[in-house]
Amino acid sequence: MTSDLQFSWELGGSGWAACRIADTAAEQKYIVSYCTDALADLLFGVAGLYGTSSVQRVSFDLEPVEVRWRLQRRGADVYIAIYSFPDVSTSWDAPDGEGTLSWSSTQPRRVFSHAVMEAAQAVLSLHGEAGYIEKWHRYPFPVAALQDLRRLHQRDDECEQCQGSLDS
């Protein structure tokens, strides 16, 4: 699958992960805290794009900053808008527009889903479930969320690259 979209998720120090998203226009990097189950939330949010709701929101805690992903399905595409708020403790109920738009892009859903899924699979392949919980601490690796996204992606996007990987 060729695209200008790049996404990565790498476990760092104890309870931290580096998240990077980029397209040909811009790149954004975040150091995400384990205060939320961020990778699982992102996988479930992307999987939600295959359902009836056209908008999904995912929030990452950067201690103290909140980074909120607003994923909006537009036909076969997804508009990805990432907003930053100065303090997660006061921004949970704030409308997206009150945040500062830090990155946005429109991508085919199949490309975005595949990129997120592959990044999560790379984390699992590198660390395994035991290594993930050892580094992330608070939450186990989201195996079910990854399997669900893979199933939806294969079914609705007919992704041939996914066949046989992490079968349910």
C-alpha atoms as a PDB file:
ATOM      1  CA  MET A   1       0.000   0.000   0.000  1.00  0.00           C
ATOM      2  CA  THR A   2       1.616   3.240  -1.061  1.00  0.00           C
ATOM      3  CA  SER A   3       0.752   6.546   0.533  1.00  0.00           C
ATOM      4  CA  ASP A   4       2.351   9.668   1.849  1.00  0.00           C
ATOM      5  CA  LEU A   5       0.982   8.906   5.328  1.00  0.00           C
ATOM      6  CA  GLN A   6       3.399   7.712   7.989  1.00  0.00           C
ATOM      7  CA  PHE A   7       2.454   6.695  11.513  1.00  0.00           C
ATOM      8  CA  SER A   8       4.559   5.191  14.276  1.00  0.00           C
ATOM      9  CA  TRP A   9       4.150   4.278  17.947  1.00  0.00           C
ATOM     10  CA  GLU A  10       7.276   3.432  19.911  1.00  0.00           C
ATOM     11  CA  LEU A  11       7.515   2.619  23.580  1.00  0.00           C
ATOM     12  CA  GLY A  12      10.109   4.736  25.332  1.00  0.00           C
ATOM     13  CA  GLY A  13      10.894   4.988  28.994  1.00  0.00           C
ATOM     14  CA  SER A  14       8.686   3.674  31.735  1.00  0.00           C
ATOM     15  CA  GLY A  15       5.088   4.621  30.893  1.00  0.00           C
ATOM     16  CA  TRP A  16       5.843   6.722  27.805  1.00  0.00           C
ATOM     17  CA  ALA A  17       5.454   6.265  24.060  1.00  0.00           C
ATOM     18  CA  ALA A  18       6.562   8.342  21.092  1.00  0.00           C
ATOM     19  CA  CYS A  19       3.787   8.866  18.572  1.00  0.00           C
ATOM     20  CA  ARG A  20       4.568  10.301  15.136  1.00  0.00           C
ATOM     21  CA  ILE A  21       2.198  11.106  12.283  1.00  0.00           C
ATOM     22  CA  ALA A  22       3.238  12.719   9.012  1.00  0.00           C
ATOM     23  CA  ASP A  23       2.175  13.310   5.451  1.00  0.00           C
ATOM     24  CA  THR A  24       3.890  15.244   2.655  1.00  0.00           C
ATOM     25  CA  ALA A  25       2.729  18.571   4.123  1.00  0.00           C
ATOM     26  CA  ALA A  26       3.537  18.259   7.828  1.00  0.00           C
ATOM     27  CA  GLU A  27       4.729  16.078  10.681  1.00  0.00           C
ATOM     28  CA  GLN A  28       3.744  15.968  14.336  1.00  0.00           C
ATOM     29  CA  LYS A  29       5.384  14.095  17.216  1.00  0.00           C
ATOM     30  CA  TYR A  30       4.023  13.539  20.715  1.00  0.00           C
ATOM     31  CA  ILE A  31       5.355  11.896  23.858  1.00  0.00           C
ATOM     32  CA  VAL A  32       2.265  10.131  25.215  1.00  0.00           C
ATOM     33  CA  SER A  33       1.753   9.176  28.864  1.00  0.00           C
ATOM     34  CA  TYR A  34       0.362   5.901  30.187  1.00  0.00           C
ATOM     35  CA  CYS A  35      -2.272   7.838  32.164  1.00  0.00           C
ATOM     36  CA  THR A  36      -4.721   6.713  29.490  1.00  0.00           C
ATOM     37  CA  ASP A  37      -4.834   3.506  27.461  1.00  0.00           C
ATOM     38  CA  ALA A  38      -3.787   5.585  24.463  1.00  0.00           C
ATOM     39  CA  LEU A  39      -2.899   2.887  21.929  1.00  0.00           C
ATOM     40  CA  ALA A  40      -6.085   0.926  22.658  1.00  0.00           C
ATOM     41  CA  ASP A  41      -8.141   4.113  22.469  1.00  0.00           C
ATOM     42  CA  LEU A  42      -6.642   4.941  19.078  1.00  0.00           C
ATOM     43  CA  LEU A  43      -7.253   1.418  17.736  1.00  0.00           C
ATOM     44  CA  PHE A  44     -10.865   1.480  18.944  1.00  0.00           C
ATOM     45  CA  GLY A  45     -11.327   4.984  17.498  1.00  0.00           C
ATOM     46  CA  VAL A  46     -10.054   3.929  14.082  1.00  0.00           C
ATOM     47  CA  ALA A  47     -12.217   0.786  14.221  1.00  0.00           C
ATOM     48  CA  GLY A  48     -15.178   3.054  14.991  1.00  0.00           C
ATOM     49  CA  LEU A  49     -14.748   4.593  11.536  1.00  0.00           C
ATOM     50  CA  TYR A  50     -16.210   1.359  10.155  1.00  0.00           C
ATOM     51  CA  GLY A  51     -19.438   1.809  12.149  1.00  0.00           C
ATOM     52  CA  THR A  52     -22.402   4.119  11.899  1.00  0.00           C
ATOM     53  CA  SER A  53     -20.832   7.141  13.610  1.00  0.00           C
ATOM     54  CA  SER A  54     -18.953   9.407  11.225  1.00  0.00           C
ATOM     55  CA  VAL A  55     -16.851  11.042  13.984  1.00  0.00           C
ATOM     56  CA  GLN A  56     -14.521   9.434  16.510  1.00  0.00           C
ATOM     57  CA  ARG A  57     -12.486  11.223  19.179  1.00  0.00           C
ATOM     58  CA  VAL A  58      -9.362   9.942  20.899  1.00  0.00           C
ATOM     59  CA  SER A  59      -7.526  11.771  23.660  1.00  0.00           C
ATOM     60  CA  PHE A  60      -3.877  11.382  24.682  1.00  0.00           C
ATOM     61  CA  ASP A  61      -2.482  12.691  27.959  1.00  0.00           C
ATOM     62  CA  LEU A  62       0.922  14.314  27.511  1.00  0.00           C
ATOM     63  CA  GLU A  63       1.053  15.455  31.156  1.00  0.00           C
ATOM     64  CA  PRO A  64      -0.297  18.107  31.382  1.00  0.00           C
ATOM     65  CA  VAL A  65      -1.205  18.745  27.728  1.00  0.00           C
ATOM     66  CA  GLU A  66      -4.148  16.968  26.108  1.00  0.00           C
ATOM     67  CA  VAL A  67      -3.880  16.001  22.455  1.00  0.00           C
ATOM     68  CA  ARG A  68      -7.266  15.183  20.977  1.00  0.00           C
ATOM     69  CA  TRP A  69      -7.664  13.374  17.668  1.00  0.00           C
ATOM     70  CA  ARG A  70     -10.896  14.053  15.808  1.00  0.00           C
ATOM     71  CA  LEU A  71     -11.399  11.464  13.081  1.00  0.00           C
ATOM     72  CA  GLN A  72     -14.188  12.253  10.643  1.00  0.00           C
ATOM     73  CA  ARG A  73     -15.203   9.793   7.964  1.00  0.00           C
ATOM     74  CA  ARG A  74     -15.946  11.454   4.631  1.00  0.00           C
ATOM     75  CA  GLY A  75     -16.987   8.732   2.203  1.00  0.00           C
ATOM     76  CA  ALA A  76     -13.933   6.515   1.679  1.00  0.00           C
ATOM     77  CA  ASP A  77     -11.662   9.122   3.317  1.00  0.00           C
ATOM     78  CA  VAL A  78     -10.928  10.249   6.853  1.00  0.00           C
ATOM     79  CA  TYR A  79     -10.248  13.826   7.870  1.00  0.00           C
ATOM     80  CA  ILE A  80      -7.763  13.655  10.751  1.00  0.00           C
ATOM     81  CA  ALA A  81      -7.561  16.773  12.919  1.00  0.00           C
ATOM     82  CA  ILE A  82      -5.342  16.838  16.008  1.00  0.00           C
ATOM     83  CA  TYR A  83      -5.984  19.542  18.591  1.00  0.00           C
ATOM     84  CA  SER A  84      -3.804  20.490  21.563  1.00  0.00           C
ATOM     85  CA  PHE A  85      -5.121  21.797  24.863  1.00  0.00           C
ATOM     86  CA  PRO A  86      -2.823  23.205  27.558  1.00  0.00           C
ATOM     87  CA  ASP A  87      -4.170  21.132  30.465  1.00  0.00           C
ATOM     88  CA  VAL A  88      -5.900  17.774  30.239  1.00  0.00           C
ATOM     89  CA  SER A  89      -7.470  18.266  33.669  1.00  0.00           C
ATOM     90  CA  THR A  90      -9.530  21.211  32.404  1.00  0.00           C
ATOM     91  CA  SER A  91     -10.074  20.390  28.738  1.00  0.00           C
ATOM     92  CA  TRP A  92     -11.976  17.064  28.799  1.00  0.00           C
ATOM     93  CA  ASP A  93     -15.337  18.728  28.081  1.00  0.00           C
ATOM     94  CA  ALA A  94     -14.012  21.552  25.906  1.00  0.00           C
ATOM     95  CA  PRO A  95     -15.178  21.645  22.278  1.00  0.00           C
ATOM     96  CA  ASP A  96     -12.507  20.647  19.751  1.00  0.00           C
ATOM     97  CA  GLY A  97     -12.413  24.197  18.374  1.00  0.00           C
ATOM     98  CA  GLU A  98     -11.155  25.553  21.694  1.00  0.00           C
ATOM     99  CA  GLY A  99      -7.934  23.635  21.157  1.00  0.00           C
ATOM    100  CA  THR A 100      -5.104  24.611  18.841  1.00  0.00           C
ATOM    101  CA  LEU A 101      -5.072  22.648  15.591  1.00  0.00           C
ATOM    102  CA  SER A 102      -1.596  21.077  15.530  1.00  0.00           C
ATOM    103  CA  TRP A 103      -1.922  18.715  12.540  1.00  0.00           C
ATOM    104  CA  SER A 104      -4.513  17.772   9.950  1.00  0.00           C
ATOM    105  CA  SER A 105      -4.767  15.660   6.836  1.00  0.00           C
ATOM    106  CA  THR A 106      -7.316  13.869   4.697  1.00  0.00           C
ATOM    107  CA  GLN A 107      -6.389  10.266   3.938  1.00  0.00           C
ATOM    108  CA  PRO A 108      -8.161   7.244   2.509  1.00  0.00           C
ATOM    109  CA  ARG A 109      -9.619   5.267   5.434  1.00  0.00           C
ATOM    110  CA  ARG A 110      -7.887   2.104   4.211  1.00  0.00           C
ATOM    111  CA  VAL A 111      -4.485   3.880   4.253  1.00  0.00           C
ATOM    112  CA  PHE A 112      -4.974   5.453   7.686  1.00  0.00           C
ATOM    113  CA  SER A 113      -6.345   2.242   9.214  1.00  0.00           C
ATOM    114  CA  HIS A 114      -3.526   0.188   7.764  1.00  0.00           C
ATOM    115  CA  ALA A 115      -0.863   2.592   9.050  1.00  0.00           C
ATOM    116  CA  VAL A 116      -2.247   2.592  12.607  1.00  0.00           C
ATOM    117  CA  MET A 117      -2.734  -1.173  12.563  1.00  0.00           C
ATOM    118  CA  GLU A 118       0.801  -1.827  11.295  1.00  0.00           C
ATOM    119  CA  ALA A 119       2.324   0.487  13.919  1.00  0.00           C
ATOM    120  CA  ALA A 120       0.477  -1.368  16.690  1.00  0.00           C
ATOM    121  CA  GLN A 121       1.522  -4.717  15.211  1.00  0.00           C
ATOM    122  CA  ALA A 122       5.149  -3.538  15.138  1.00  0.00           C
ATOM    123  CA  VAL A 123       4.960  -2.716  18.867  1.00  0.00           C
ATOM    124  CA  LEU A 124       3.524  -6.161  19.603  1.00  0.00           C
ATOM    125  CA  SER A 125       6.109  -7.915  17.414  1.00  0.00           C
ATOM    126  CA  LEU A 126       8.984  -6.023  19.041  1.00  0.00           C
ATOM    127  CA  HIS A 127       7.932  -6.234  22.696  1.00  0.00           C
ATOM    128  CA  GLY A 128       5.334  -9.005  22.941  1.00  0.00           C
ATOM    129  CA  GLU A 129       2.489  -8.728  25.419  1.00  0.00           C
ATOM    130  CA  ALA A 130       4.772  -9.224  28.435  1.00  0.00           C
ATOM    131  CA  GLY A 131       7.280  -6.631  27.243  1.00  0.00           C
ATOM    132  CA  TYR A 132       4.523  -4.140  26.500  1.00  0.00           C
ATOM    133  CA  ILE A 133       3.026  -4.277  30.004  1.00  0.00           C
ATOM    134  CA  GLU A 134       6.529  -4.140  31.474  1.00  0.00           C
ATOM    135  CA  LYS A 135       7.240  -0.870  29.643  1.00  0.00           C
ATOM    136  CA  TRP A 136       3.735   0.671  29.558  1.00  0.00           C
ATOM    137  CA  HIS A 137       2.835  -0.510  33.106  1.00  0.00           C
ATOM    138  CA  ARG A 138      -0.778   0.467  33.482  1.00  0.00           C
ATOM    139  CA  TYR A 139      -2.548  -1.302  30.608  1.00  0.00           C
ATOM    140  CA  PRO A 140      -1.916  -4.547  28.726  1.00  0.00           C
ATOM    141  CA  PHE A 141      -1.300  -4.584  24.992  1.00  0.00           C
ATOM    142  CA  PRO A 142      -4.684  -4.089  23.255  1.00  0.00           C
ATOM    143  CA  VAL A 143      -4.759  -7.414  21.389  1.00  0.00           C
ATOM    144  CA  ALA A 144      -8.557  -7.452  21.005  1.00  0.00           C
ATOM    145  CA  ALA A 145      -8.619  -3.878  19.676  1.00  0.00           C
ATOM    146  CA  LEU A 146      -5.917  -4.702  17.126  1.00  0.00           C
ATOM    147  CA  GLN A 147      -7.720  -7.877  16.054  1.00  0.00           C
ATOM    148  CA  ASP A 148     -11.013  -5.997  15.711  1.00  0.00           C
ATOM    149  CA  LEU A 149      -9.469  -3.270  13.567  1.00  0.00           C
ATOM    150  CA  ARG A 150      -7.691  -5.872  11.417  1.00  0.00           C
ATOM    151  CA  ARG A 151     -10.962  -7.779  10.894  1.00  0.00           C
ATOM    152  CA  LEU A 152     -12.876  -4.633   9.883  1.00  0.00           C
ATOM    153  CA  HIS A 153     -10.054  -3.421   7.667  1.00  0.00           C
ATOM    154  CA  GLN A 154      -9.805  -6.775   5.877  1.00  0.00           C
ATOM    155  CA  ARG A 155     -13.566  -7.052   5.474  1.00  0.00           C
ATOM    156  CA  ASP A 156     -14.422  -3.525   4.356  1.00  0.00           C
ATOM    157  CA  ASP A 157     -11.184  -2.399   2.732  1.00  0.00           C
ATOM    158  CA  GLU A 158     -10.295  -5.808   1.270  1.00  0.00           C
ATOM    159  CA  CYS A 159      -6.693  -5.445   2.374  1.00  0.00           C
ATOM    160  CA  GLU A 160      -4.719  -8.270   0.822  1.00  0.00           C
ATOM    161  CA  GLN A 161      -1.581  -7.365   2.786  1.00  0.00           C
ATOM    162  CA  CYS A 162      -3.409  -8.271   6.003  1.00  0.00           C
ATOM    163  CA  GLN A 163      -4.350 -11.829   5.111  1.00  0.00           C
ATOM    164  CA  GLY A 164      -3.088 -14.278   7.713  1.00  0.00           C
ATOM    165  CA  SER A 165      -1.661 -11.644  10.083  1.00  0.00           C
ATOM    166  CA  LEU A 166      -2.782 -11.813  13.723  1.00  0.00           C
ATOM    167  CA  ASP A 167      -5.773 -14.018  12.955  1.00  0.00           C
ATOM    168  CA  SER A 168      -8.669 -13.774  15.376  1.00  0.00           C
END
